[in-house]
PDB file of all heavy atoms in Angstrom:
ATOM      1  N   ARG A   1     107.923-138.866 -71.228  1.00  0.00           N
ATOM      2  CA  ARG A   1     106.937-138.287 -70.323  1.00  0.00           C
ATOM      3  C   ARG A   1     107.556-138.034 -68.947  1.00  0.00           C
ATOM      4  O   ARG A   1     107.302-137.020 -68.300  1.00  0.00           O
ATOM      5  CB  ARG A   1     105.744-139.242 -70.192  1.00  0.00           C
ATOM      6  CG  ARG A   1     104.403-138.536 -70.117  1.00  0.00           C
ATOM      7  CD  ARG A   1     103.264-139.468 -70.433  1.00  0.00           C
ATOM      8  NE  ARG A   1     102.902-140.319 -69.317  1.00  0.00           N
ATOM      9  CZ  ARG A   1     102.636-141.611 -69.422  1.00  0.00           C
ATOM     10  NH1 ARG A   1     102.725-142.211 -70.578  1.00  0.00           N
ATOM     11  NH2 ARG A   1     102.292-142.312 -68.365  1.00  0.00           N
ATOM     12  N   ILE A   2     108.396-138.963 -68.490  1.00  0.00           N
ATOM     13  CA  ILE A   2     109.039-138.823 -67.189  1.00  0.00           C
ATOM     14  C   ILE A   2     110.041-137.677 -67.209  1.00  0.00           C
ATOM     15  O   ILE A   2     110.029-136.794 -66.343  1.00  0.00           O
ATOM     16  CB  ILE A   2     109.736-140.143 -66.799  1.00  0.00           C
ATOM     17  CG1 ILE A   2     108.692-141.245 -66.562  1.00  0.00           C
ATOM     18  CG2 ILE A   2     110.610-139.948 -65.560  1.00  0.00           C
ATOM     19  CD1 ILE A   2     109.280-142.632 -66.430  1.00  0.00           C
ATOM     20  N   PHE A   3     110.926-137.656 -68.214  1.00  0.00           N
ATOM     21  CA  PHE A   3     111.945-136.606 -68.290  1.00  0.00           C
ATOM     22  C   PHE A   3     111.316-135.227 -68.460  1.00  0.00           C
ATOM     23  O   PHE A   3     111.757-134.255 -67.835  1.00  0.00           O
ATOM     24  CB  PHE A   3     112.899-136.882 -69.451  1.00  0.00           C
ATOM     25  CG  PHE A   3     113.775-138.092 -69.264  1.00  0.00           C
ATOM     26  CD1 PHE A   3     113.909-139.034 -70.265  1.00  0.00           C
ATOM     27  CD2 PHE A   3     114.465-138.279 -68.082  1.00  0.00           C
ATOM     28  CE1 PHE A   3     114.718-140.142 -70.092  1.00  0.00           C
ATOM     29  CE2 PHE A   3     115.278-139.396 -67.887  1.00  0.00           C
ATOM     30  CZ  PHE A   3     115.400-140.329 -68.908  1.00  0.00           C
ATOM     31  N   GLU A   4     110.306-135.150 -69.300  1.00  0.00           N
ATOM     32  CA  GLU A   4     109.680-133.853 -69.556  1.00  0.00           C
ATOM     33  C   GLU A   4     109.018-133.308 -68.296  1.00  0.00           C
ATOM     34  O   GLU A   4     109.207-132.140 -67.935  1.00  0.00           O
ATOM     35  CB  GLU A   4     108.655-133.980 -70.679  1.00  0.00           C
ATOM     36  CG  GLU A   4     107.970-132.664 -71.010  1.00  0.00           C
ATOM     37  CD  GLU A   4     106.881-132.823 -72.049  1.00  0.00           C
ATOM     38  OE1 GLU A   4     106.255-133.908 -72.111  1.00  0.00           O
ATOM     39  OE2 GLU A   4     106.641-131.867 -72.808  1.00  0.00           O
ATOM     40  N   ALA A   5     108.238-134.155 -67.628  1.00  0.00           N
ATOM     41  CA  ALA A   5     107.524-133.686 -66.436  1.00  0.00           C
ATOM     42  C   ALA A   5     108.482-133.272 -65.336  1.00  0.00           C
ATOM     43  O   ALA A   5     108.239-132.301 -64.614  1.00  0.00           O
ATOM     44  CB  ALA A   5     106.592-134.790 -65.933  1.00  0.00           C
ATOM     45  N   ALA A   6     109.597-133.994 -65.219  1.00  0.00           N
ATOM     46  CA  ALA A   6     110.500-133.740 -64.095  1.00  0.00           C
ATOM     47  C   ALA A   6     111.479-132.609 -64.352  1.00  0.00           C
ATOM     48  O   ALA A   6     111.764-131.809 -63.445  1.00  0.00           O
ATOM     49  CB  ALA A   6     111.263-135.019 -63.757  1.00  0.00           C
ATOM     50  N   PHE A   7     112.012-132.489 -65.576  1.00  0.00           N
ATOM     51  CA  PHE A   7     113.180-131.625 -65.760  1.00  0.00           C
ATOM     52  C   PHE A   7     113.078-130.611 -66.888  1.00  0.00           C
ATOM     53  O   PHE A   7     114.009-129.825 -67.081  1.00  0.00           O
ATOM     54  CB  PHE A   7     114.422-132.497 -66.005  1.00  0.00           C
ATOM     55  CG  PHE A   7     114.639-133.563 -64.981  1.00  0.00           C
ATOM     56  CD1 PHE A   7     114.583-134.900 -65.320  1.00  0.00           C
ATOM     57  CD2 PHE A   7     114.889-133.231 -63.662  1.00  0.00           C
ATOM     58  CE1 PHE A   7     114.778-135.892 -64.375  1.00  0.00           C
ATOM     59  CE2 PHE A   7     115.087-134.211 -62.698  1.00  0.00           C
ATOM     60  CZ  PHE A   7     115.025-135.550 -63.051  1.00  0.00           C
ATOM     61  N   ALA A   8     111.984-130.600 -67.650  1.00  0.00           N
ATOM     62  CA  ALA A   8     111.950-129.752 -68.844  1.00  0.00           C
ATOM     63  C   ALA A   8     111.681-128.280 -68.548  1.00  0.00           C
ATOM     64  O   ALA A   8     111.896-127.436 -69.417  1.00  0.00           O
ATOM     65  CB  ALA A   8     110.898-130.279 -69.832  1.00  0.00           C
ATOM     66  N   ALA A   9     111.215-127.959 -67.365  1.00  0.00           N
ATOM     67  CA  ALA A   9     110.847-126.570 -67.057  1.00  0.00           C
ATOM     68  C   ALA A   9     111.873-125.932 -66.136  1.00  0.00           C
ATOM     69  O   ALA A   9     112.538-126.609 -65.338  1.00  0.00           O
ATOM     70  CB  ALA A   9     109.465-126.526 -66.411  1.00  0.00           C
ATOM     71  N   ALA A  10     112.017-124.604 -66.258  1.00  0.00           N
ATOM     72  CA  ALA A  10     112.896-123.844 -65.374  1.00  0.00           C
ATOM     73  C   ALA A  10     112.449-124.055 -63.919  1.00  0.00           C
ATOM     74  O   ALA A  10     111.259-124.251 -63.652  1.00  0.00           O
ATOM     75  CB  ALA A  10     112.844-122.367 -65.743  1.00  0.00           C
ATOM     76  N   PRO A  11     113.384-124.078 -62.972  1.00  0.00           N
ATOM     77  CA  PRO A  11     114.802-123.725 -63.115  1.00  0.00           C
ATOM     78  C   PRO A  11     115.705-124.883 -63.513  1.00  0.00           C
ATOM     79  O   PRO A  11     116.922-124.724 -63.526  1.00  0.00           O
ATOM     80  CB  PRO A  11     115.159-123.226 -61.721  1.00  0.00           C
ATOM     81  CG  PRO A  11     114.318-124.072 -60.815  1.00  0.00           C
ATOM     82  CD  PRO A  11     113.016-124.272 -61.546  1.00  0.00           C
ATOM     83  N   CYS A  12     115.123-126.056 -63.802  1.00  0.00           N
ATOM     84  CA  CYS A  12     115.947-127.199 -64.182  1.00  0.00           C
ATOM     85  C   CYS A  12     116.472-127.035 -65.607  1.00  0.00           C
ATOM     86  O   CYS A  12     115.964-126.224 -66.385  1.00  0.00           O
ATOM     87  CB  CYS A  12     115.144-128.493 -64.078  1.00  0.00           C
ATOM     88  SG  CYS A  12     114.805-129.000 -62.376  1.00  0.00           S
ATOM     89  N   ARG A  13     117.473-127.827 -65.917  1.00  0.00           N
ATOM     90  CA  ARG A  13     118.005-127.911 -67.271  1.00  0.00           C
ATOM     91  C   ARG A  13     117.956-129.365 -67.712  1.00  0.00           C
ATOM     92  O   ARG A  13     118.420-130.245 -66.985  1.00  0.00           O
ATOM     93  CB  ARG A  13     119.440-127.380 -67.325  1.00  0.00           C
ATOM     94  CG  ARG A  13     119.534-125.868 -67.204  1.00  0.00           C
ATOM     95  CD  ARG A  13     120.960-125.414 -66.951  1.00  0.00           C
ATOM     96  NE  ARG A  13     121.092-123.956 -67.033  1.00  0.00           N
ATOM     97  CZ  ARG A  13     120.783-123.126 -66.056  1.00  0.00           C
ATOM     98  NH1 ARG A  13     120.308-123.602 -64.920  1.00  0.00           N
ATOM     99  NH2 ARG A  13     120.931-121.817 -66.202  1.00  0.00           N
ATOM    100  N   LEU A  14     117.400-129.600 -68.896  1.00  0.00           N
ATOM    101  CA  LEU A  14     117.311-130.937 -69.468  1.00  0.00           C
ATOM    102  C   LEU A  14     118.039-130.924 -70.801  1.00  0.00           C
ATOM    103  O   LEU A  14     117.672-130.170 -71.708  1.00  0.00           O
ATOM    104  CB  LEU A  14     115.845-131.350 -69.654  1.00  0.00           C
ATOM    105  CG  LEU A  14     115.583-132.670 -70.380  1.00  0.00           C
ATOM    106  CD1 LEU A  14     116.241-133.837 -69.631  1.00  0.00           C
ATOM    107  CD2 LEU A  14     114.076-132.910 -70.507  1.00  0.00           C
ATOM    108  N   VAL A  15     119.087-131.735 -70.927  1.00  0.00           N
ATOM    109  CA  VAL A  15     119.917-131.755 -72.126  1.00  0.00           C
ATOM    110  C   VAL A  15     119.743-133.102 -72.817  1.00  0.00           C
ATOM    111  O   VAL A  15     119.966-134.159 -72.203  1.00  0.00           O
ATOM    112  CB  VAL A  15     121.403-131.529 -71.795  1.00  0.00           C
ATOM    113  CG1 VAL A  15     122.242-131.468 -73.069  1.00  0.00           C
ATOM    114  CG2 VAL A  15     121.576-130.248 -70.980  1.00  0.00           C
ATOM    115  N   LEU A  16     119.331-133.068 -74.072  1.00  0.00           N
ATOM    116  CA  LEU A  16     119.082-134.273 -74.862  1.00  0.00           C
ATOM    117  C   LEU A  16     120.164-134.386 -75.928  1.00  0.00           C
ATOM    118  O   LEU A  16     120.256-133.536 -76.815  1.00  0.00           O
ATOM    119  CB  LEU A  16     117.702-134.203 -75.511  1.00  0.00           C
ATOM    120  CG  LEU A  16     116.551-133.760 -74.601  1.00  0.00           C
ATOM    121  CD1 LEU A  16     115.263-133.635 -75.394  1.00  0.00           C
ATOM    122  CD2 LEU A  16     116.383-134.727 -73.435  1.00  0.00           C
ATOM    123  N   VAL A  17     120.984-135.422 -75.846  1.00  0.00           N
ATOM    124  CA  VAL A  17     122.089-135.617 -76.778  1.00  0.00           C
ATOM    125  C   VAL A  17     121.775-136.835 -77.637  1.00  0.00           C
ATOM    126  O   VAL A  17     121.604-137.942 -77.119  1.00  0.00           O
ATOM    127  CB  VAL A  17     123.416-135.839 -76.033  1.00  0.00           C
ATOM    128  CG1 VAL A  17     124.577-135.887 -77.021  1.00  0.00           C
ATOM    129  CG2 VAL A  17     123.650-134.755 -74.990  1.00  0.00           C
ATOM    130  N   GLY A  18     121.677-136.633 -78.952  1.00  0.00           N
ATOM    131  CA  GLY A  18     121.353-137.780 -79.788  1.00  0.00           C
ATOM    132  C   GLY A  18     121.391-137.470 -81.267  1.00  0.00           C
ATOM    133  O   GLY A  18     121.574-136.325 -81.686  1.00  0.00           O
ATOM    134  N   ASP A  19     121.218-138.513 -82.056  1.00  0.00           N
ATOM    135  CA  ASP A  19     121.208-138.422 -83.514  1.00  0.00           C
ATOM    136  C   ASP A  19     119.760-138.535 -83.985  1.00  0.00           C
ATOM    137  O   ASP A  19     119.185-139.624 -83.932  1.00  0.00           O
ATOM    138  CB  ASP A  19     122.051-139.545 -84.109  1.00  0.00           C
ATOM    139  CG  ASP A  19     122.175-139.453 -85.627  1.00  0.00           C
ATOM    140  OD1 ASP A  19     121.458-138.635 -86.233  1.00  0.00           O
ATOM    141  OD2 ASP A  19     122.989-140.193 -86.203  1.00  0.00           O
ATOM    142  N   PRO A  20     119.158-137.440 -84.441  1.00  0.00           N
ATOM    143  CA  PRO A  20     117.749-137.511 -84.838  1.00  0.00           C
ATOM    144  C   PRO A  20     117.497-138.494 -85.968  1.00  0.00           C
ATOM    145  O   PRO A  20     116.418-139.074 -86.052  1.00  0.00           O
ATOM    146  CB  PRO A  20     117.425-136.069 -85.257  1.00  0.00           C
ATOM    147  CG  PRO A  20     118.741-135.433 -85.539  1.00  0.00           C
ATOM    148  CD  PRO A  20     119.718-136.096 -84.615  1.00  0.00           C
ATOM    149  N   LYS A  21     118.484-138.688 -86.847  1.00  0.00           N
ATOM    150  CA  LYS A  21     118.285-139.596 -87.981  1.00  0.00           C
ATOM    151  C   LYS A  21     118.070-141.031 -87.506  1.00  0.00           C
ATOM    152  O   LYS A  21     117.381-141.808 -88.149  1.00  0.00           O
ATOM    153  CB  LYS A  21     119.487-139.518 -88.922  1.00  0.00           C
ATOM    154  CG  LYS A  21     119.699-138.125 -89.522  1.00  0.00           C
ATOM    155  CD  LYS A  21     120.854-138.080 -90.486  1.00  0.00           C
ATOM    156  CE  LYS A  21     122.183-138.336 -89.823  1.00  0.00           C
ATOM    157  NZ  LYS A  21     122.498-137.333 -88.745  1.00  0.00           N
ATOM    158  N   GLN A  22     118.670-141.378 -86.356  1.00  0.00           N
ATOM    159  CA  GLN A  22     118.479-142.728 -85.832  1.00  0.00           C
ATOM    160  C   GLN A  22     117.135-142.893 -85.121  1.00  0.00           C
ATOM    161  O   GLN A  22     116.750-144.019 -84.797  1.00  0.00           O
ATOM    162  CB  GLN A  22     119.622-143.079 -84.872  1.00  0.00           C
ATOM    163  CG  GLN A  22     120.968-143.198 -85.550  1.00  0.00           C
ATOM    164  CD  GLN A  22     122.056-143.651 -84.595  1.00  0.00           C
ATOM    165  OE1 GLN A  22     121.829-144.495 -83.729  1.00  0.00           O
ATOM    166  NE2 GLN A  22     123.244-143.101 -84.734  1.00  0.00           N
ATOM    167  N   ALA A  23     116.436-141.796 -84.896  1.00  0.00           N
ATOM    168  CA  ALA A  23     115.121-141.889 -84.253  1.00  0.00           C
ATOM    169  C   ALA A  23     114.101-142.584 -85.150  1.00  0.00           C
ATOM    170  O   ALA A  23     113.038-142.990 -84.666  1.00  0.00           O
ATOM    171  CB  ALA A  23     114.611-140.494 -83.887  1.00  0.00           C
ATOM    172  N   ILE A  24     114.398-142.724 -86.437  1.00  0.00           N
ATOM    173  CA  ILE A  24     113.459-143.387 -87.347  1.00  0.00           C
ATOM    174  C   ILE A  24     113.572-144.900 -87.267  1.00  0.00           C
ATOM    175  O   ILE A  24     112.778-145.618 -87.877  1.00  0.00           O
ATOM    176  CB  ILE A  24     113.668-142.934 -88.816  1.00  0.00           C
ATOM    177  CG1 ILE A  24     115.001-143.459 -89.365  1.00  0.00           C
ATOM    178  CG2 ILE A  24     113.602-141.420 -88.931  1.00  0.00           C
ATOM    179  CD1 ILE A  24     115.199-143.214 -90.845  1.00  0.00           C
ATOM    180  N   TYR A  25     114.540-145.434 -86.497  1.00  0.00           N
ATOM    181  CA  TYR A  25     114.761-146.879 -86.432  1.00  0.00           C
ATOM    182  C   TYR A  25     113.774-147.521 -85.463  1.00  0.00           C
ATOM    183  O   TYR A  25     114.132-147.880 -84.339  1.00  0.00           O
ATOM    184  CB  TYR A  25     116.190-147.183 -85.983  1.00  0.00           C
ATOM    185  CG  TYR A  25     117.270-146.742 -86.934  1.00  0.00           C
ATOM    186  CD1 TYR A  25     118.573-146.560 -86.495  1.00  0.00           C
ATOM    187  CD2 TYR A  25     117.008-146.509 -88.283  1.00  0.00           C
ATOM    188  CE1 TYR A  25     119.582-146.159 -87.362  1.00  0.00           C
ATOM    189  CE2 TYR A  25     117.998-146.098 -89.152  1.00  0.00           C
ATOM    190  CZ  TYR A  25     119.285-145.928 -88.681  1.00  0.00           C
ATOM    191  OH  TYR A  25     120.273-145.529 -89.526  1.00  0.00           O
ATOM    192  N   ALA A  26     112.551-147.694 -85.894  1.00  0.00           N
ATOM    193  CA  ALA A  26     111.544-148.294 -85.012  1.00  0.00           C
ATOM    194  C   ALA A  26     111.904-149.725 -84.641  1.00  0.00           C
ATOM    195  O   ALA A  26     111.539-150.201 -83.565  1.00  0.00           O
ATOM    196  CB  ALA A  26     110.176-148.266 -85.694  1.00  0.00           C
ATOM    197  N   PHE A  27     112.640-150.419 -85.506  1.00  0.00           N
ATOM    198  CA  PHE A  27     112.974-151.815 -85.240  1.00  0.00           C
ATOM    199  C   PHE A  27     113.863-151.969 -84.020  1.00  0.00           C
ATOM    200  O   PHE A  27     113.940-153.043 -83.434  1.00  0.00           O
ATOM    201  CB  PHE A  27     113.658-152.450 -86.461  1.00  0.00           C
ATOM    202  CG  PHE A  27     115.008-151.876 -86.784  1.00  0.00           C
ATOM    203  CD1 PHE A  27     116.151-152.401 -86.222  1.00  0.00           C
ATOM    204  CD2 PHE A  27     115.121-150.814 -87.671  1.00  0.00           C
ATOM    205  CE1 PHE A  27     117.389-151.870 -86.520  1.00  0.00           C
ATOM    206  CE2 PHE A  27     116.357-150.281 -87.979  1.00  0.00           C
ATOM    207  CZ  PHE A  27     117.500-150.808 -87.399  1.00  0.00           C
ATOM    208  N   ARG A  28     114.556-150.892 -83.589  1.00  0.00           N
ATOM    209  CA  ARG A  28     115.391-150.981 -82.387  1.00  0.00           C
ATOM    210  C   ARG A  28     114.889-150.052 -81.294  1.00  0.00           C
ATOM    211  O   ARG A  28     115.612-149.681 -80.383  1.00  0.00           O
ATOM    212  CB  ARG A  28     116.851-150.692 -82.691  1.00  0.00           C
ATOM    213  CG  ARG A  28     117.109-149.400 -83.369  1.00  0.00           C
ATOM    214  CD  ARG A  28     118.606-149.133 -83.469  1.00  0.00           C
ATOM    215  NE  ARG A  28     118.974-148.001 -82.640  1.00  0.00           N
ATOM    216  CZ  ARG A  28     120.180-147.454 -82.645  1.00  0.00           C
ATOM    217  NH1 ARG A  28     121.112-147.953 -83.417  1.00  0.00           N
ATOM    218  NH2 ARG A  28     120.450-146.428 -81.877  1.00  0.00           N
TER     219      ARG A  28
END
């Protein structure tokens, strides 16, 4: 919510680097 509100819209650039498959690891 913080990153999206602050940087997701032009003229800013928001770059998300990650492994989507690891997003399913709710335990961590």
